[in-house]
C-alpha atoms as a PDB file:
ATOM      1  CA  MET A   1       0.000   0.000   0.000  1.00  0.00           C
ATOM      2  CA  ASN A   2       1.020   3.619  -0.534  1.00  0.00           C
ATOM      3  CA  LEU A   3       1.424   6.157   2.265  1.00  0.00           C
ATOM      4  CA  ILE A   4       0.585   9.707   1.134  1.00  0.00           C
ATOM      5  CA  ILE A   5       1.715  12.628   3.323  1.00  0.00           C
ATOM      6  CA  ASP A   6       0.479  16.125   2.514  1.00  0.00           C
ATOM      7  CA  ILE A   7       2.234  18.786   4.620  1.00  0.00           C
ATOM      8  CA  GLY A   8       0.225  21.941   4.026  1.00  0.00           C
ATOM      9  CA  ASN A   9       0.545  25.440   5.404  1.00  0.00           C
ATOM     10  CA  THR A  10      -2.186  24.747   7.959  1.00  0.00           C
ATOM     11  CA  ASP A  11      -2.843  20.999   8.173  1.00  0.00           C
ATOM     12  CA  ILE A  12      -1.056  17.701   7.658  1.00  0.00           C
ATOM     13  CA  LYS A  13      -3.141  15.053   5.918  1.00  0.00           C
ATOM     14  CA  ILE A  14      -2.375  11.359   5.726  1.00  0.00           C
ATOM     15  CA  ALA A  15      -3.894   8.869   3.287  1.00  0.00           C
ATOM     16  CA  ILE A  16      -3.400   5.199   2.534  1.00  0.00           C
ATOM     17  CA  PHE A  17      -4.106   3.928  -0.967  1.00  0.00           C
ATOM     18  CA  LYS A  18      -4.059   0.523  -2.491  1.00  0.00           C
ATOM     19  CA  THR A  19      -2.037   0.576  -5.682  1.00  0.00           C
ATOM     20  CA  ASP A  20      -5.219   0.663  -7.781  1.00  0.00           C
ATOM     21  CA  ASN A  21      -5.964   4.179  -6.451  1.00  0.00           C
ATOM     22  CA  LEU A  22      -8.472   2.911  -3.872  1.00  0.00           C
ATOM     23  CA  LEU A  23      -8.448   5.161  -0.782  1.00  0.00           C
ATOM     24  CA  VAL A  24      -8.640   3.001   2.356  1.00  0.00           C
ATOM     25  CA  HIS A  25      -7.667   5.464   5.104  1.00  0.00           C
ATOM     26  CA  TYR A  26      -7.633   9.238   5.608  1.00  0.00           C
ATOM     27  CA  GLN A  27      -6.979  11.494   8.580  1.00  0.00           C
ATOM     28  CA  ARG A  28      -5.770  14.944   9.555  1.00  0.00           C
ATOM     29  CA  ILE A  29      -2.769  14.970  11.871  1.00  0.00           C
ATOM     30  CA  ILE A  30      -1.440  17.506  14.354  1.00  0.00           C
ATOM     31  CA  ARG A  31       2.174  18.296  13.491  1.00  0.00           C
ATOM     32  CA  ASP A  32       3.498  17.366  16.944  1.00  0.00           C
ATOM     33  CA  ASN A  33       1.756  13.959  16.807  1.00  0.00           C
ATOM     34  CA  ILE A  34       2.732  12.856  13.324  1.00  0.00           C
ATOM     35  CA  ILE A  35       5.286  10.188  14.291  1.00  0.00           C
ATOM     36  CA  LYS A  36       2.960   8.671  16.915  1.00  0.00           C
ATOM     37  CA  ASP A  37       0.070   8.599  14.445  1.00  0.00           C
ATOM     38  CA  LEU A  38       2.241   7.073  11.738  1.00  0.00           C
ATOM     39  CA  GLU A  39       3.377   4.385  14.193  1.00  0.00           C
ATOM     40  CA  ARG A  40      -0.264   3.391  14.668  1.00  0.00           C
ATOM     41  CA  ILE A  41      -0.930   3.476  10.926  1.00  0.00           C
ATOM     42  CA  ILE A  42       1.887   1.081   9.999  1.00  0.00           C
ATOM     43  CA  GLN A  43       0.590  -1.393  12.573  1.00  0.00           C
ATOM     44  CA  GLU A  44      -2.708  -1.514  10.678  1.00  0.00           C
ATOM     45  CA  PHE A  45      -1.497  -1.202   7.082  1.00  0.00           C
ATOM     46  CA  SER A  46       1.435  -2.748   5.258  1.00  0.00           C
ATOM     47  CA  ILE A  47       3.176   0.236   3.638  1.00  0.00           C
ATOM     48  CA  ALA A  48       5.396  -0.359   0.609  1.00  0.00           C
ATOM     49  CA  TYR A  49       6.043   3.177  -0.656  1.00  0.00           C
ATOM     50  CA  SER A  50       5.472   6.790   0.374  1.00  0.00           C
ATOM     51  CA  ILE A  51       5.340  10.227  -1.207  1.00  0.00           C
ATOM     52  CA  ILE A  52       5.482  13.586   0.548  1.00  0.00           C
ATOM     53  CA  SER A  53       4.085  16.894  -0.664  1.00  0.00           C
ATOM     54  CA  GLN A  54       5.487  19.716   1.451  1.00  0.00           C
ATOM     55  CA  VAL A  55       4.477  23.360   1.186  1.00  0.00           C
ATOM     56  CA  GLY A  56       4.407  24.044   4.935  1.00  0.00           C
ATOM     57  CA  LYS A  57       7.372  23.886   7.293  1.00  0.00           C
ATOM     58  CA  SER A  58       9.211  20.574   7.483  1.00  0.00           C
ATOM     59  CA  VAL A  59       8.375  17.911  10.061  1.00  0.00           C
ATOM     60  CA  PRO A  60      11.308  16.971  12.339  1.00  0.00           C
ATOM     61  CA  ARG A  61      12.412  13.314  12.230  1.00  0.00           C
ATOM     62  CA  LEU A  62      10.011  12.347   9.436  1.00  0.00           C
ATOM     63  CA  ASN A  63      12.751  11.316   6.987  1.00  0.00           C
ATOM     64  CA  GLU A  64      14.619   9.398   9.665  1.00  0.00           C
ATOM     65  CA  TRP A  65      11.444   7.617  10.754  1.00  0.00           C
ATOM     66  CA  LEU A  66      10.550   6.520   7.219  1.00  0.00           C
ATOM     67  CA  THR A  67      14.102   5.264   6.681  1.00  0.00           C
ATOM     68  CA  ALA A  68      14.042   3.354   9.972  1.00  0.00           C
ATOM     69  CA  GLN A  69      10.770   1.694   8.921  1.00  0.00           C
ATOM     70  CA  HIS A  70      12.350   0.709   5.568  1.00  0.00           C
ATOM     71  CA  ILE A  71       9.703   2.648   3.668  1.00  0.00           C
ATOM     72  CA  PRO A  72      11.076   4.142   0.423  1.00  0.00           C
ATOM     73  CA  TYR A  73       9.850   7.720   0.050  1.00  0.00           C
ATOM     74  CA  LEU A  74       9.860  10.552  -2.473  1.00  0.00           C
ATOM     75  CA  TYR A  75       9.415  14.287  -2.086  1.00  0.00           C
ATOM     76  CA  LEU A  76       7.272  15.625  -4.893  1.00  0.00           C
ATOM     77  CA  THR A  77       9.061  18.087  -7.170  1.00  0.00           C
ATOM     78  CA  ALA A  78       8.798  18.931 -10.865  1.00  0.00           C
ATOM     79  CA  LYS A  79      11.816  16.646 -11.463  1.00  0.00           C
ATOM     80  CA  LEU A  80       9.749  13.502 -10.912  1.00  0.00           C
ATOM     81  CA  LYS A  81       7.955  11.713 -13.717  1.00  0.00           C
ATOM     82  CA  LEU A  82       4.595  13.457 -14.088  1.00  0.00           C
ATOM     83  CA  PRO A  83       1.496  12.636 -16.179  1.00  0.00           C
ATOM     84  CA  PHE A  84       1.658  16.041 -17.878  1.00  0.00           C
ATOM     85  CA  ASP A  85       4.098  18.425 -19.554  1.00  0.00           C
ATOM     86  CA  ILE A  86       4.987  21.699 -17.846  1.00  0.00           C
ATOM     87  CA  HIS A  87       4.942  24.996 -19.758  1.00  0.00           C
ATOM     88  CA  TYR A  88       5.755  27.154 -16.738  1.00  0.00           C
ATOM     89  CA  LYS A  89       8.704  29.528 -16.801  1.00  0.00           C
ATOM     90  CA  SER A  90       9.986  28.507 -13.373  1.00  0.00           C
ATOM     91  CA  PRO A  91       9.055  24.832 -12.772  1.00  0.00           C
ATOM     92  CA  LYS A  92      11.338  24.659  -9.733  1.00  0.00           C
ATOM     93  CA  THR A  93       9.093  27.150  -7.930  1.00  0.00           C
ATOM     94  CA  ILE A  94       5.798  25.305  -8.518  1.00  0.00           C
ATOM     95  CA  GLY A  95       4.321  24.196  -5.201  1.00  0.00           C
ATOM     96  CA  SER A  96       4.129  20.426  -4.883  1.00  0.00           C
ATOM     97  CA  ASP A  97       0.456  20.756  -3.950  1.00  0.00           C
ATOM     98  CA  ARG A  98      -0.258  22.351  -7.333  1.00  0.00           C
ATOM     99  CA  LEU A  99       1.545  19.514  -9.138  1.00  0.00           C
ATOM    100  CA  GLY A 100      -0.464  16.970  -7.173  1.00  0.00           C
ATOM    101  CA  LEU A 101      -3.765  18.692  -7.902  1.00  0.00           C
ATOM    102  CA  VAL A 102      -3.085  18.748 -11.637  1.00  0.00           C
ATOM    103  CA  ALA A 103      -2.193  15.041 -11.554  1.00  0.00           C
ATOM    104  CA  GLY A 104      -5.422  14.318  -9.686  1.00  0.00           C
ATOM    105  CA  ALA A 105      -7.452  16.162 -12.311  1.00  0.00           C
ATOM    106  CA  ILE A 106      -5.783  14.195 -15.114  1.00  0.00           C
ATOM    107  CA  LEU A 107      -6.469  10.935 -13.287  1.00  0.00           C
ATOM    108  CA  LYS A 108     -10.170  11.774 -13.141  1.00  0.00           C
ATOM    109  CA  ASN A 109     -10.580  13.500 -16.486  1.00  0.00           C
ATOM    110  CA  PRO A 110      -7.629  13.167 -18.887  1.00  0.00           C
ATOM    111  CA  GLU A 111      -7.232  15.200 -22.063  1.00  0.00           C
ATOM    112  CA  SER A 112      -9.629  17.927 -20.984  1.00  0.00           C
ATOM    113  CA  ASN A 113      -9.324  21.671 -20.533  1.00  0.00           C
ATOM    114  CA  THR A 114      -9.393  21.834 -16.749  1.00  0.00           C
ATOM    115  CA  LEU A 115      -9.287  24.559 -14.103  1.00  0.00           C
ATOM    116  CA  ILE A 116      -8.461  23.414 -10.565  1.00  0.00           C
ATOM    117  CA  ILE A 117      -9.332  25.784  -7.719  1.00  0.00           C
ATOM    118  CA  ASP A 118      -7.844  24.933  -4.323  1.00  0.00           C
ATOM    119  CA  ALA A 119      -9.354  27.045  -1.523  1.00  0.00           C
ATOM    120  CA  GLY A 120      -6.908  26.689   1.347  1.00  0.00           C
ATOM    121  CA  THR A 121      -4.514  29.018   3.147  1.00  0.00           C
ATOM    122  CA  CYS A 122      -3.902  30.433  -0.308  1.00  0.00           C
ATOM    123  CA  VAL A 123      -6.317  30.047  -3.193  1.00  0.00           C
ATOM    124  CA  THR A 124      -4.583  28.558  -6.215  1.00  0.00           C
ATOM    125  CA  TYR A 125      -5.928  28.420  -9.744  1.00  0.00           C
ATOM    126  CA  ASP A 126      -4.246  25.893 -12.041  1.00  0.00           C
ATOM    127  CA  PHE A 127      -4.980  25.264 -15.709  1.00  0.00           C
ATOM    128  CA  ILE A 128      -4.133  22.203 -17.765  1.00  0.00           C
ATOM    129  CA  ASP A 129      -5.212  21.986 -21.383  1.00  0.00           C
ATOM    130  CA  GLN A 130      -6.698  19.119 -23.382  1.00  0.00           C
ATOM    131  CA  ASN A 131      -3.199  18.046 -24.457  1.00  0.00           C
ATOM    132  CA  ASN A 132      -2.197  17.510 -20.819  1.00  0.00           C
ATOM    133  CA  ILE A 133       0.025  20.587 -20.797  1.00  0.00           C
ATOM    134  CA  TYR A 134       0.191  22.532 -17.544  1.00  0.00           C
ATOM    135  CA  HIS A 135       0.360  26.286 -18.110  1.00  0.00           C
ATOM    136  CA  GLY A 136       0.134  27.743 -14.577  1.00  0.00           C
ATOM    137  CA  GLY A 137      -2.630  29.900 -13.170  1.00  0.00           C
ATOM    138  CA  ALA A 138      -2.916  32.274 -10.237  1.00  0.00           C
ATOM    139  CA  ILE A 139      -2.382  32.533  -6.480  1.00  0.00           C
ATOM    140  CA  SER A 140      -4.380  34.748  -4.114  1.00  0.00           C
ATOM    141  CA  PRO A 141      -4.948  34.962  -0.330  1.00  0.00           C
ATOM    142  CA  GLY A 142      -7.376  32.479   1.209  1.00  0.00           C
ATOM    143  CA  LEU A 143     -10.116  33.324   3.706  1.00  0.00           C
ATOM    144  CA  LYS A 144      -7.968  33.197   6.844  1.00  0.00           C
ATOM    145  CA  LEU A 145      -5.239  35.319   5.267  1.00  0.00           C
ATOM    146  CA  ARG A 146      -7.811  37.935   4.273  1.00  0.00           C
ATOM    147  CA  PHE A 147      -9.245  38.091   7.771  1.00  0.00           C
ATOM    148  CA  LYS A 148      -5.739  38.314   9.247  1.00  0.00           C
ATOM    149  CA  SER A 149      -4.628  41.084   6.902  1.00  0.00           C
ATOM    150  CA  LEU A 150      -7.550  43.304   7.958  1.00  0.00           C
ATOM    151  CA  ASN A 151      -6.490  42.915  11.574  1.00  0.00           C
ATOM    152  CA  ASP A 152      -2.747  43.262  10.908  1.00  0.00           C
ATOM    153  CA  TYR A 153      -2.931  46.411   8.807  1.00  0.00           C
ATOM    154  CA  THR A 154      -5.598  48.365  10.657  1.00  0.00           C
ATOM    155  CA  GLU A 155      -5.808  49.717  14.194  1.00  0.00           C
ATOM    156  CA  LYS A 156      -9.377  48.835  15.101  1.00  0.00           C
ATOM    157  CA  LEU A 157     -10.643  45.952  12.978  1.00  0.00           C
ATOM    158  CA  PRO A 158     -10.823  42.681  14.959  1.00  0.00           C
ATOM    159  CA  LEU A 159      -9.322  39.346  13.938  1.00  0.00           C
ATOM    160  CA  LEU A 160     -12.191  37.119  12.807  1.00  0.00           C
ATOM    161  CA  GLN A 161     -12.474  33.548  11.576  1.00  0.00           C
ATOM    162  CA  PRO A 162     -14.698  32.322   8.737  1.00  0.00           C
ATOM    163  CA  ASP A 163     -18.295  32.069   9.970  1.00  0.00           C
ATOM    164  CA  GLU A 164     -19.911  28.709   9.257  1.00  0.00           C
ATOM    165  CA  THR A 165     -23.394  30.241   9.331  1.00  0.00           C
ATOM    166  CA  THR A 166     -24.835  31.954   6.273  1.00  0.00           C
ATOM    167  CA  ILE A 167     -23.619  35.540   6.024  1.00  0.00           C
ATOM    168  CA  SER A 168     -25.836  38.353   4.761  1.00  0.00           C
ATOM    169  CA  LEU A 169     -24.603  40.313   1.777  1.00  0.00           C
ATOM    170  CA  ILE A 170     -25.203  43.557   3.678  1.00  0.00           C
ATOM    171  CA  GLY A 171     -23.371  43.621   7.000  1.00  0.00           C
ATOM    172  CA  ASN A 172     -25.127  45.571   9.767  1.00  0.00           C
ATOM    173  CA  ASP A 173     -22.171  45.807  12.166  1.00  0.00           C
ATOM    174  CA  THR A 174     -18.382  45.552  11.991  1.00  0.00           C
ATOM    175  CA  PHE A 175     -18.389  41.783  12.479  1.00  0.00           C
ATOM    176  CA  THR A 176     -20.886  41.010   9.715  1.00  0.00           C
ATOM    177  CA  SER A 177     -19.413  43.666   7.407  1.00  0.00           C
ATOM    178  CA  ILE A 178     -15.996  41.989   7.581  1.00  0.00           C
ATOM    179  CA  GLN A 179     -17.536  38.557   7.072  1.00  0.00           C
ATOM    180  CA  SER A 180     -19.482  39.795   4.040  1.00  0.00           C
ATOM    181  CA  GLY A 181     -16.505  41.567   2.502  1.00  0.00           C
ATOM    182  CA  VAL A 182     -14.106  38.645   2.894  1.00  0.00           C
ATOM    183  CA  ILE A 183     -16.404  35.726   2.068  1.00  0.00           C
ATOM    184  CA  TYR A 184     -18.424  37.319  -0.735  1.00  0.00           C
ATOM    185  CA  GLY A 185     -15.257  38.948  -2.031  1.00  0.00           C
ATOM    186  CA  LEU A 186     -13.491  35.608  -2.452  1.00  0.00           C
ATOM    187  CA  ALA A 187     -16.613  33.898  -3.811  1.00  0.00           C
ATOM    188  CA  ASN A 188     -16.955  36.636  -6.435  1.00  0.00           C
ATOM    189  CA  GLU A 189     -13.275  36.265  -7.299  1.00  0.00           C
ATOM    190  CA  ILE A 190     -13.764  32.548  -7.907  1.00  0.00           C
ATOM    191  CA  ASP A 191     -16.904  33.214  -9.965  1.00  0.00           C
ATOM    192  CA  GLY A 192     -14.929  35.698 -12.040  1.00  0.00           C
ATOM    193  CA  PHE A 193     -12.114  33.264 -12.769  1.00  0.00           C
ATOM    194  CA  ILE A 194     -14.576  30.555 -13.818  1.00  0.00           C
ATOM    195  CA  VAL A 195     -16.342  32.957 -16.183  1.00  0.00           C
ATOM    196  CA  LYS A 196     -13.096  34.166 -17.764  1.00  0.00           C
ATOM    197  CA  TYR A 197     -11.698  30.650 -18.258  1.00  0.00           C
ATOM    198  CA  ASN A 198     -14.985  29.550 -19.821  1.00  0.00           C
ATOM    199  CA  LEU A 199     -14.772  32.429 -22.286  1.00  0.00           C
ATOM    200  CA  ASN A 200     -11.268  31.367 -23.300  1.00  0.00           C
ATOM    201  CA  PHE A 201     -11.500  27.561 -23.329  1.00  0.00           C
ATOM    202  CA  THR A 202     -14.167  25.212 -24.663  1.00  0.00           C
ATOM    203  CA  ASN A 203     -15.522  22.213 -22.746  1.00  0.00           C
ATOM    204  CA  LEU A 204     -13.918  23.400 -19.525  1.00  0.00           C
ATOM    205  CA  THR A 205     -14.010  21.145 -16.456  1.00  0.00           C
ATOM    206  CA  VAL A 206     -13.694  22.947 -13.104  1.00  0.00           C
ATOM    207  CA  TYR A 207     -12.677  21.293  -9.823  1.00  0.00           C
ATOM    208  CA  LEU A 208     -13.088  22.998  -6.449  1.00  0.00           C
ATOM    209  CA  THR A 209     -11.200  21.534  -3.507  1.00  0.00           C
ATOM    210  CA  GLY A 210      -9.411  22.620  -0.328  1.00  0.00           C
ATOM    211  CA  GLY A 211     -10.265  23.250   3.293  1.00  0.00           C
ATOM    212  CA  ASP A 212     -12.679  26.124   2.609  1.00  0.00           C
ATOM    213  CA  GLU A 213     -14.432  24.451  -0.324  1.00  0.00           C
ATOM    214  CA  LYS A 214     -17.634  23.585   1.576  1.00  0.00           C
ATOM    215  CA  LEU A 215     -18.007  27.054   3.084  1.00  0.00           C
ATOM    216  CA  LEU A 216     -17.428  28.882  -0.196  1.00  0.00           C
ATOM    217  CA  ASP A 217     -19.709  26.546  -2.130  1.00  0.00           C
ATOM    218  CA  ARG A 218     -22.721  28.308  -0.540  1.00  0.00           C
ATOM    219  CA  TYR A 219     -21.676  31.687  -1.954  1.00  0.00           C
ATOM    220  CA  ILE A 220     -20.329  30.827  -5.417  1.00  0.00           C
ATOM    221  CA  LYS A 221     -22.997  31.492  -8.050  1.00  0.00           C
ATOM    222  CA  ASN A 222     -21.372  29.508 -10.843  1.00  0.00           C
ATOM    223  CA  LYS A 223     -22.188  25.871 -10.046  1.00  0.00           C
ATOM    224  CA  ILE A 224     -20.464  24.178 -12.961  1.00  0.00           C
ATOM    225  CA  PHE A 225     -17.600  22.952 -10.801  1.00  0.00           C
ATOM    226  CA  VAL A 226     -17.031  19.479  -9.353  1.00  0.00           C
ATOM    227  CA  SER A 227     -16.292  19.295  -5.619  1.00  0.00           C
ATOM    228  CA  SER A 228     -13.418  16.911  -4.941  1.00  0.00           C
ATOM    229  CA  LYS A 229     -12.208  16.623  -1.344  1.00  0.00           C
ATOM    230  CA  PHE A 230      -9.400  14.139  -2.039  1.00  0.00           C
ATOM    231  CA  LEU A 231      -8.168  15.466  -5.392  1.00  0.00           C
ATOM    232  CA  LEU A 232      -4.665  16.319  -4.123  1.00  0.00           C
ATOM    233  CA  LEU A 233      -4.189  13.023  -2.295  1.00  0.00           C
ATOM    234  CA  GLU A 234      -5.392  11.065  -5.337  1.00  0.00           C
ATOM    235  CA  GLY A 235      -2.971  13.004  -7.508  1.00  0.00           C
ATOM    236  CA  LEU A 236      -0.063  12.325  -5.171  1.00  0.00           C
ATOM    237  CA  ASN A 237      -0.841   8.616  -5.224  1.00  0.00           C
ATOM    238  CA  PHE A 238      -0.999   8.713  -9.034  1.00  0.00           C
ATOM    239  CA  ILE A 239       2.453  10.337  -9.181  1.00  0.00           C
ATOM    240  CA  LEU A 240       3.890   7.851  -6.688  1.00  0.00           C
ATOM    241  CA  ASN A 241       2.696   4.925  -8.797  1.00  0.00           C
ATOM    242  CA  LEU A 242       4.403   6.472 -11.844  1.00  0.00           C
ATOM    243  CA  ASN A 243       7.719   6.784 -10.013  1.00  0.00           C
ATOM    244  CA  LYS A 244       8.036   3.557  -8.054  1.00  0.00           C
END
């Protein structure tokens, strides 16, 4: 079985796949507990290979632990064998999460014009064309970064978190005004990107994933996208199978 480790800016996610891309285990892990949690996982599953996507800060002892368990592992970079060609001016700077997301989209829907929107700490937009060529996309602040910036760069605005309840378009106090501005602002941004890509590319498939996907789904008007919670993990497993 394959051990997939996704070290994000906010969360660490672990998945176990059978080699036929069947997901058999998934969990979020606290950074300080990762070795203990992995110890429990290898008692339940027989791990043959592992791949690591790291965009957040590194995890101490992870490499040493994998080596001690005799689990071969790879760190995802653009140098690995990938199921797509890269037409990006600086491939070395592409986040491994973006590479994994594109691979996941190809696994699900090959040879299609595809826009992948990952709503996490940052919101990334990645485009791959029908010839499986990755062109790049865009990066913008995610919900939490937008809330934090309002607090960091003003004297009186409070630090808020995304509200899970439905927010009114018209805020009637400071709290609801910030919620409306941040949440509707990002939802409108996503709507705008979908519209513009649709104008430029025929038969476009759109995937929406990431930690804030469910919250934003309520506010995005354009409903042509496919929600895909495990798109990145599926893509990482696909890449691992290509490079074993």
